[in-house]
Amino acid sequence: MLAVILLLIISTSCAFAQPIDQDLFDDLHPDVGLNVVELIQRYKYPVESHGNIKTEDGYLLEMQRIPYGLKSGPAENKPVVFLMHGIICSAADWVNMGPEKSLAFLLADLGYDVWMGNARGTTWSRKHISLDPVEDKADFWEFSWNEIGEYDLPAMIDYVLSYTRQENLYYIGHSQGTTSFYVMCSEKPAYNNKIRVMVALAPIAYMENMENPLLRFLAAFDDTLEFLAKLIGIHEFLPNTEFLGSIGKVFCKDGAIFQEVCAGVIFLIGGFDSEQLNRTMIPVIMTNTPAGAATRQFLHYAQEINSGEFRKYDFGLIQNLIKYGSVSPPSYNIDKITAKVALFYAKNDWLAATVDVDKFAKQLPNMVYQYLIPFDKFNHLDFLWAIDVIPLAYNYVFDLLRQY
């Protein structure tokens, strides 16, 4: 996955050696170049940004909120939905398909108070009380999705509940947004009681049987890659940059000869599904994605593939003894995830294999719903961007929320 993205960037970089002809930016979708707040404003929905939400370990996070929809209007005590993105993504994932397809807009119009989190290190959450992501990169980026689950989610959820004066909320996560939720509820079980129901889109815990060949290649060299990353100072992976946005504008727009290459990169990440990807929206997606992540987040997933376990980060024998008191990292206690959990998964998901999801489902103490998408080509990213995501997935999510 990562190698292909890098190859695309490197192979096209020569095109940017000279000033770019502005004619190349003609005929773009009007949402290209807009961040999450600007996207929401463009469609006349109310939007708020809530920043400087401090975690226990000093990171400062920012969230976006759509307090009500155009079809629902303002009201007191609306039920709260908290949306959490996947790896190298951000809150923009929930709005970049526009009001007719994006989950945040749809939920707001159904009468929910919608909050969108941004994990540490992403575009909106690159702050710390004492560390700088560039000057102090070795320390700032020393985290995986374990810390996102242990510190970021509790901080954001506590803030949302305090601000809205609610006792609990609905949680919807995609990909890493599901993994970090499982971490939170197993490491801090009190948060189970703050969740009305958790909806897992493309859930990831066990990864032994995932089919993505590029991530498997990464897993084969996880120890070596960690050493090399530290040696050459690569602590952050794929931040959001104007350069990457320009690639999306020029090479992925309608009529561009490289548009299918751009689509191919997306398919190599989550599984091939040429029917459900709206190519016109690729430049919109690339405006805000990738949003940045720590290299360790990817390495932690690589370790999951190799170990076949759902467990904490493996620092190596000596550091494990110091940090955990054991030569191997401890597994997360799934029995402590007592919140109601609903699993939505797909046969063509190259990151969340059905056999791994089924294994996890059998261990969850309070699984209330398990739904396999009835379309064989549906993939990992279709949960966000598919043309038919509403009838195939979201309508069932809406029914579930109404039930609880």
Protein backbone atom coordinates (compact mmCIF):
# COMPACT_ATOMS: atom_id res chain seq x y z
CA MET A 1 0.00 0.00 0.00
CA LEU A 2 2.57 2.54 1.11
CA ALA A 3 5.09 1.59 -1.56
CA VAL A 4 2.56 2.13 -4.32
CA ILE A 5 1.59 5.55 -3.00
CA LEU A 6 5.22 6.54 -2.80
CA LEU A 7 5.88 5.19 -6.29
CA LEU A 8 3.05 7.30 -7.65
CA ILE A 9 4.41 10.39 -5.92
CA ILE A 10 7.99 9.83 -7.07
CA SER A 11 7.07 8.95 -10.64
CA THR A 12 5.06 12.14 -11.03
CA SER A 13 7.33 14.48 -9.10
CA CYS A 14 9.28 15.46 -12.23
CA ALA A 15 6.14 17.07 -13.57
CA PHE A 16 6.43 19.64 -10.79
CA ALA A 17 10.01 20.63 -11.50
CA GLN A 18 8.67 23.52 -13.60
CA PRO A 19 5.79 25.88 -12.74
CA ILE A 20 2.45 24.18 -13.25
CA ASP A 21 0.24 25.43 -16.04
CA GLN A 22 -2.90 26.69 -14.31
CA ASP A 23 -4.98 25.33 -17.19
CA LEU A 24 -4.32 21.89 -15.69
CA PHE A 25 -6.56 22.89 -12.78
CA ASP A 26 -9.56 23.65 -14.99
CA ASP A 27 -12.73 21.54 -14.89
CA LEU A 28 -12.20 20.43 -11.28
CA HIS A 29 -14.98 19.54 -8.90
CA PRO A 30 -15.87 22.68 -6.88
CA ASP A 31 -15.03 20.91 -3.61
CA VAL A 32 -11.39 20.41 -4.58
CA GLY A 33 -9.08 22.40 -2.29
CA LEU A 34 -11.58 22.76 0.56
CA ASN A 35 -10.79 21.54 4.07
CA VAL A 36 -13.37 19.92 6.31
CA VAL A 37 -14.72 23.21 7.71
CA GLU A 38 -14.90 24.80 4.26
CA LEU A 39 -16.66 21.74 2.83
CA ILE A 40 -19.36 21.94 5.49
CA GLN A 41 -19.74 25.70 5.01
CA ARG A 42 -20.01 25.33 1.24
CA TYR A 43 -23.18 23.29 1.66
CA LYS A 44 -24.65 25.79 4.17
CA TYR A 45 -24.55 23.44 7.15
CA PRO A 46 -23.64 24.85 10.56
CA VAL A 47 -20.12 23.95 11.65
CA GLU A 48 -18.01 24.43 14.76
CA SER A 49 -14.36 23.70 15.49
CA HIS A 50 -13.37 22.71 19.01
CA GLY A 51 -9.64 22.79 19.62
CA ASN A 52 -6.94 22.44 22.27
CA ILE A 53 -8.57 19.35 23.77
CA LYS A 54 -5.73 18.04 25.93
CA THR A 55 -4.95 14.37 26.34
CA GLU A 56 -3.38 12.86 29.46
CA ASP A 57 0.00 12.77 27.70
CA GLY A 58 -0.10 16.34 26.47
CA TYR A 59 -1.37 16.24 22.86
CA LEU A 60 -3.80 18.96 21.80
CA LEU A 61 -6.61 17.76 19.56
CA GLU A 62 -9.24 19.47 17.43
CA MET A 63 -12.72 18.28 16.48
CA GLN A 64 -15.38 19.49 14.06
CA ARG A 65 -19.08 19.52 14.82
CA ILE A 66 -22.26 19.74 12.76
CA PRO A 67 -24.82 20.53 15.50
CA TYR A 68 -27.84 20.05 13.26
CA GLY A 69 -28.78 19.44 9.65
CA LEU A 70 -30.64 21.49 7.06
CA LYS A 71 -33.49 18.99 7.16
CA SER A 72 -33.66 18.66 10.95
CA GLY A 73 -32.91 22.12 12.36
CA PRO A 74 -31.64 23.06 15.82
CA ALA A 75 -33.12 21.46 18.94
CA GLU A 76 -32.20 20.79 22.54
CA ASN A 77 -30.67 17.51 23.69
CA LYS A 78 -30.12 15.97 20.29
CA PRO A 79 -28.56 12.49 20.47
CA VAL A 80 -24.83 12.71 19.87
CA VAL A 81 -22.90 10.72 17.26
CA PHE A 82 -19.11 10.65 17.42
CA LEU A 83 -17.30 9.73 14.18
CA MET A 84 -13.69 8.52 14.17
CA HIS A 85 -11.59 8.20 11.03
CA GLY A 86 -9.06 5.60 9.90
CA ILE A 87 -5.29 5.76 9.45
CA ILE A 88 -3.81 8.71 7.46
CA CYS A 89 -7.32 10.14 7.34
CA SER A 90 -9.21 12.87 9.19
CA ALA A 91 -12.65 14.29 9.87
CA ALA A 92 -12.86 15.20 6.17
CA ASP A 93 -13.61 11.54 5.41
CA TRP A 94 -17.11 12.01 6.76
CA VAL A 95 -18.05 14.99 4.55
CA ASN A 96 -16.02 14.87 1.32
CA MET A 97 -18.68 13.08 -0.72
CA GLY A 98 -21.13 15.94 -0.16
CA PRO A 99 -24.56 16.08 1.54
CA GLU A 100 -26.12 13.35 -0.59
CA LYS A 101 -23.60 10.64 0.30
CA SER A 102 -21.44 11.63 3.30
CA LEU A 103 -22.29 10.07 6.65
CA ALA A 104 -21.86 13.24 8.74
CA PHE A 105 -24.32 15.24 6.62
CA LEU A 106 -26.80 12.38 6.50
CA LEU A 107 -26.74 11.91 10.27
CA ALA A 108 -27.15 15.64 10.88
CA ASP A 109 -30.20 15.68 8.62
CA LEU A 110 -31.63 12.73 10.55
CA GLY A 111 -31.55 14.78 13.74
CA TYR A 112 -28.21 13.87 15.34
CA ASP A 113 -25.61 16.16 16.83
CA VAL A 114 -22.54 15.07 14.85
CA TRP A 115 -18.96 15.33 16.15
CA MET A 116 -15.90 14.31 14.14
CA GLY A 117 -12.62 13.48 15.86
CA ASN A 118 -9.08 14.00 14.58
CA ALA A 119 -6.37 11.74 15.98
CA ARG A 120 -3.02 13.08 17.13
CA GLY A 121 -0.61 13.81 14.31
CA THR A 122 -3.30 14.44 11.69
CA THR A 123 -3.87 17.75 9.94
CA TRP A 124 -6.03 19.26 12.69
CA SER A 125 -4.24 17.74 15.69
CA ARG A 126 -0.54 18.47 15.21
CA LYS A 127 -0.01 20.15 18.58
CA HIS A 128 1.40 19.26 21.99
CA ILE A 129 1.88 21.22 25.19
CA SER A 130 5.67 21.05 24.86
CA LEU A 131 6.64 19.10 21.73
CA ASP A 132 6.82 20.32 18.16
CA PRO A 133 6.05 17.82 15.33
CA VAL A 134 9.11 19.00 13.38
CA GLU A 135 11.65 20.19 15.93
CA ASP A 136 10.92 17.36 18.39
CA LYS A 137 9.84 14.75 15.87
CA ALA A 138 11.50 11.76 17.56
CA ASP A 139 9.40 12.36 20.67
CA PHE A 140 6.25 13.85 19.15
CA TRP A 141 5.69 10.89 16.79
CA GLU A 142 6.41 8.20 19.36
CA PHE A 143 2.92 6.69 19.34
CA SER A 144 0.76 4.10 17.60
CA TRP A 145 -2.98 3.56 17.53
CA ASN A 146 -2.61 2.25 21.08
CA GLU A 147 -2.14 5.83 22.34
CA ILE A 148 -4.98 7.07 20.14
CA GLY A 149 -7.27 4.60 21.89
CA GLU A 150 -5.84 5.05 25.36
CA TYR A 151 -5.62 8.86 25.37
CA ASP A 152 -7.17 10.59 22.34
CA LEU A 153 -10.59 8.94 22.31
CA PRO A 154 -11.21 9.35 26.05
CA ALA A 155 -10.21 13.03 25.90
CA MET A 156 -12.50 13.76 22.95
CA ILE A 157 -15.43 11.72 24.24
CA ASP A 158 -15.23 13.36 27.67
CA TYR A 159 -15.16 16.78 26.04
CA VAL A 160 -18.18 16.03 23.83
CA LEU A 161 -20.26 14.65 26.68
CA SER A 162 -19.38 17.56 28.94
CA TYR A 163 -20.11 20.14 26.24
CA THR A 164 -23.44 18.61 25.23
CA ARG A 165 -24.40 17.60 28.78
CA GLN A 166 -25.16 14.09 27.61
CA GLU A 167 -24.44 10.89 29.52
CA ASN A 168 -23.57 8.77 26.50
CA LEU A 169 -23.17 8.87 22.74
CA TYR A 170 -23.20 6.77 19.59
CA TYR A 171 -19.75 5.91 18.28
CA ILE A 172 -19.09 5.15 14.61
CA GLY A 173 -15.55 4.27 13.61
CA HIS A 174 -13.92 3.26 10.34
CA SER A 175 -10.83 1.04 10.14
CA GLN A 176 -8.32 2.38 12.70
CA GLY A 177 -11.26 4.20 14.27
CA THR A 178 -12.52 0.76 15.27
CA THR A 179 -9.14 -0.52 16.46
CA SER A 180 -8.60 2.48 18.72
CA PHE A 181 -12.11 2.05 20.16
CA TYR A 182 -11.34 -1.53 21.15
CA VAL A 183 -8.14 -0.31 22.81
CA MET A 184 -10.04 2.34 24.77
CA CYS A 185 -12.72 0.00 26.06
CA SER A 186 -10.26 -2.74 27.04
CA GLU A 187 -7.73 -0.39 28.67
CA LYS A 188 -10.28 1.98 30.24
CA PRO A 189 -13.44 -0.10 30.77
CA ALA A 190 -15.36 2.79 32.34
CA TYR A 191 -15.82 4.19 28.84
CA ASN A 192 -18.00 1.25 27.87
CA ASN A 193 -20.78 2.89 29.88
CA LYS A 194 -20.49 6.09 27.85
CA ILE A 195 -21.38 4.34 24.58
CA ARG A 196 -24.98 3.75 23.51
CA VAL A 197 -23.84 1.52 20.66
CA MET A 198 -20.60 1.29 18.71
CA VAL A 199 -20.83 0.87 14.95
CA ALA A 200 -17.66 -0.62 13.43
CA LEU A 201 -17.23 -0.01 9.69
CA ALA A 202 -14.49 -2.24 8.26
CA PRO A 203 -13.48 -3.39 11.77
CA ILE A 204 -9.84 -4.21 12.47
CA ALA A 205 -8.49 -6.12 15.46
CA TYR A 206 -7.01 -9.40 14.23
CA MET A 207 -5.15 -9.13 10.92
CA GLU A 208 -3.54 -12.53 10.36
CA ASN A 209 -5.59 -13.24 7.24
CA MET A 210 -5.69 -9.80 5.63
CA GLU A 211 -5.05 -9.93 1.88
CA ASN A 212 -3.33 -6.64 1.10
CA PRO A 213 -0.05 -7.78 -0.56
CA LEU A 214 1.79 -4.53 0.04
CA LEU A 215 1.03 -4.40 3.75
CA ARG A 216 2.08 -8.05 3.96
CA PHE A 217 5.37 -7.05 2.35
CA LEU A 218 5.75 -4.35 4.97
CA ALA A 219 5.02 -6.87 7.71
CA ALA A 220 7.76 -9.17 6.45
CA PHE A 221 10.33 -6.49 7.29
CA ASP A 222 8.72 -4.76 10.26
CA ASP A 223 11.76 -5.04 12.57
CA THR A 224 14.16 -3.81 9.89
CA LEU A 225 11.85 -1.00 8.83
CA GLU A 226 11.51 0.30 12.38
CA PHE A 227 15.29 0.41 12.74
CA LEU A 228 15.72 2.15 9.38
CA ALA A 229 12.94 4.63 10.08
CA LYS A 230 14.64 5.68 13.31
CA LEU A 231 18.06 5.71 11.69
CA ILE A 232 17.08 8.12 8.91
CA GLY A 233 14.55 10.05 10.98
CA ILE A 234 11.27 9.06 9.34
CA HIS A 235 8.86 9.38 12.24
CA GLU A 236 5.85 10.79 10.37
CA PHE A 237 4.32 9.12 7.35
CA LEU A 238 2.39 10.92 4.57
CA PRO A 239 1.40 14.28 6.04
CA ASN A 240 -1.11 16.40 4.14
CA THR A 241 0.74 18.70 1.75
CA GLU A 242 -0.09 21.08 -1.08
CA PHE A 243 2.16 18.93 -3.26
CA LEU A 244 0.01 15.82 -2.82
CA GLY A 245 -3.12 17.89 -3.34
CA SER A 246 -1.69 19.13 -6.63
CA ILE A 247 -1.09 15.55 -7.74
CA GLY A 248 -4.74 14.84 -7.14
CA LYS A 249 -5.83 17.95 -9.04
CA VAL A 250 -3.66 17.37 -12.09
CA PHE A 251 -3.36 13.62 -12.47
CA CYS A 252 -6.61 12.31 -10.98
CA LYS A 253 -9.23 14.66 -12.38
CA ASP A 254 -11.75 13.70 -15.05
CA GLY A 255 -10.07 13.44 -18.43
CA ALA A 256 -6.58 12.97 -17.02
CA ILE A 257 -4.70 10.03 -18.52
CA PHE A 258 -3.50 9.00 -15.06
CA GLN A 259 -6.95 8.94 -13.45
CA GLU A 260 -7.14 5.14 -13.56
CA VAL A 261 -3.69 4.97 -11.94
CA CYS A 262 -5.09 7.06 -9.10
CA ALA A 263 -8.06 4.71 -8.86
CA GLY A 264 -5.68 1.76 -8.89
CA VAL A 265 -3.81 3.12 -5.87
CA ILE A 266 -7.09 3.32 -3.96
CA PHE A 267 -7.99 -0.22 -5.00
CA LEU A 268 -4.58 -1.53 -3.90
CA ILE A 269 -5.28 -0.18 -0.45
CA GLY A 270 -8.73 -1.58 0.17
CA GLY A 271 -9.60 -4.05 -2.61
CA PHE A 272 -10.60 -3.71 -6.25
CA ASP A 273 -14.14 -2.40 -6.81
CA SER A 274 -14.28 -0.39 -10.01
CA GLU A 275 -18.08 -0.17 -9.91
CA GLN A 276 -18.41 1.80 -6.67
CA LEU A 277 -15.68 4.46 -6.95
CA ASN A 278 -16.76 7.81 -8.36
CA ARG A 279 -13.53 8.87 -10.11
CA THR A 280 -14.64 12.50 -10.28
CA MET A 281 -14.30 12.67 -6.48
CA ILE A 282 -10.68 11.45 -6.28
CA PRO A 283 -9.21 15.01 -6.35
CA VAL A 284 -11.64 15.97 -3.57
CA ILE A 285 -10.50 12.99 -1.49
CA MET A 286 -6.84 13.83 -2.09
CA THR A 287 -7.35 17.40 -0.91
CA ASN A 288 -7.45 16.17 2.69
CA THR A 289 -6.01 12.66 2.43
CA PRO A 290 -3.40 11.61 3.41
CA ALA A 291 -3.66 13.60 6.64
CA GLY A 292 -0.56 12.24 8.35
CA ALA A 293 0.24 9.46 10.80
CA ALA A 294 3.12 8.17 12.87
CA THR A 295 5.25 5.50 11.24
CA ARG A 296 4.66 3.40 14.35
CA GLN A 297 0.94 3.18 13.58
CA PHE A 298 1.73 1.20 10.43
CA LEU A 299 4.37 -0.88 12.17
CA HIS A 300 1.89 -1.80 14.90
CA TYR A 301 -0.50 -3.15 12.28
CA ALA A 302 2.40 -5.02 10.65
CA GLN A 303 3.06 -6.67 13.99
CA GLU A 304 -0.61 -7.73 14.17
CA ILE A 305 -0.23 -9.51 10.84
CA ASN A 306 2.86 -11.38 11.99
CA SER A 307 1.67 -12.32 15.47
CA GLY A 308 -1.92 -13.20 14.67
CA GLU A 309 -2.79 -11.52 17.97
CA PHE A 310 -4.58 -8.35 19.01
CA ARG A 311 -1.99 -6.95 21.37
CA LYS A 312 0.08 -3.95 22.38
CA TYR A 313 3.09 -2.64 20.53
CA ASP A 314 6.13 -4.91 20.49
CA PHE A 315 9.21 -2.89 21.50
CA GLY A 316 11.53 -5.91 21.52
CA LEU A 317 12.48 -8.28 24.31
CA ILE A 318 14.36 -5.88 26.59
CA GLN A 319 12.01 -2.93 26.21
CA ASN A 320 9.01 -5.21 26.61
CA LEU A 321 10.41 -6.42 29.93
CA ILE A 322 10.87 -2.84 31.07
CA LYS A 323 7.49 -1.57 29.82
CA TYR A 324 5.25 -4.60 30.27
CA GLY A 325 7.14 -6.92 32.61
CA SER A 326 7.07 -9.69 30.00
CA VAL A 327 9.13 -10.62 26.93
CA SER A 328 6.07 -10.35 24.69
CA PRO A 329 3.52 -7.52 24.60
CA PRO A 330 0.26 -8.33 26.41
CA SER A 331 -2.92 -8.93 24.44
CA TYR A 332 -5.82 -6.55 24.82
CA ASN A 333 -8.52 -7.95 27.07
CA ILE A 334 -11.48 -8.29 24.72
CA ASP A 335 -13.69 -9.45 27.58
CA LYS A 336 -13.60 -5.90 28.91
CA ILE A 337 -15.19 -4.47 25.75
CA THR A 338 -18.70 -4.62 27.17
CA ALA A 339 -20.22 -1.79 25.11
CA LYS A 340 -22.79 -2.83 22.53
CA VAL A 341 -20.88 -3.41 19.29
CA ALA A 342 -22.19 -3.75 15.74
CA LEU A 343 -19.85 -5.03 13.03
CA PHE A 344 -20.21 -4.03 9.36
CA TYR A 345 -17.75 -5.80 7.08
CA ALA A 346 -17.22 -6.88 3.49
CA LYS A 347 -15.92 -9.86 1.52
CA ASN A 348 -13.60 -7.79 -0.69
CA ASP A 349 -11.95 -5.85 2.14
CA TRP A 350 -8.19 -6.35 1.79
CA LEU A 351 -7.50 -5.05 5.29
CA ALA A 352 -10.30 -6.56 7.37
CA ALA A 353 -10.64 -10.19 6.29
CA THR A 354 -14.00 -11.78 7.04
CA VAL A 355 -12.37 -14.68 8.89
CA ASP A 356 -10.56 -12.24 11.18
CA VAL A 357 -13.73 -10.24 11.82
CA ASP A 358 -15.63 -13.46 12.58
CA LYS A 359 -12.91 -14.53 15.03
CA PHE A 360 -13.16 -11.20 16.84
CA ALA A 361 -16.96 -11.28 16.81
CA LYS A 362 -17.01 -14.59 18.66
CA GLN A 363 -14.97 -13.09 21.48
CA LEU A 364 -16.95 -9.87 21.94
CA PRO A 365 -19.11 -10.13 25.08
CA ASN A 366 -21.84 -7.79 23.82
CA MET A 367 -22.01 -7.94 20.04
CA VAL A 368 -25.53 -6.87 19.04
CA TYR A 369 -25.31 -6.91 15.24
CA GLN A 370 -23.10 -8.46 12.58
CA TYR A 371 -23.70 -7.44 8.97
CA LEU A 372 -21.80 -8.69 5.94
CA ILE A 373 -22.35 -6.30 3.01
CA PRO A 374 -24.41 -8.17 0.35
CA PHE A 375 -22.20 -7.08 -2.53
CA ASP A 376 -19.15 -9.23 -3.20
CA LYS A 377 -16.94 -6.41 -4.55
CA PHE A 378 -17.52 -4.00 -1.65
CA ASN A 379 -14.12 -3.02 -0.20
CA HIS A 380 -12.48 -1.30 2.75
CA LEU A 381 -12.86 2.27 1.47
CA ASP A 382 -16.33 1.74 0.01
CA PHE A 383 -17.66 2.30 3.55
CA LEU A 384 -16.77 5.95 2.99
CA TRP A 385 -16.91 6.60 -0.73
CA ALA A 386 -19.02 3.97 -2.52
CA ILE A 387 -21.64 5.17 -4.98
CA ASP A 388 -24.22 2.86 -3.36
CA VAL A 389 -22.99 3.15 0.22
CA ILE A 390 -26.40 4.30 1.50
CA PRO A 391 -28.50 1.30 0.39
CA LEU A 392 -25.66 -1.17 0.96
CA ALA A 393 -24.51 0.02 4.39
CA TYR A 394 -25.73 3.31 5.83
CA ASN A 395 -29.46 2.52 5.85
CA TYR A 396 -28.67 -0.41 8.15
CA VAL A 397 -26.57 1.86 10.36
CA PHE A 398 -29.46 4.32 10.63
CA ASP A 399 -31.87 1.54 11.60
CA LEU A 400 -29.44 0.35 14.26
CA LEU A 401 -29.05 3.82 15.79
CA ARG A 402 -32.82 4.22 15.96
CA GLN A 403 -33.05 0.86 17.72
CA TYR A 404 -30.65 1.96 20.46
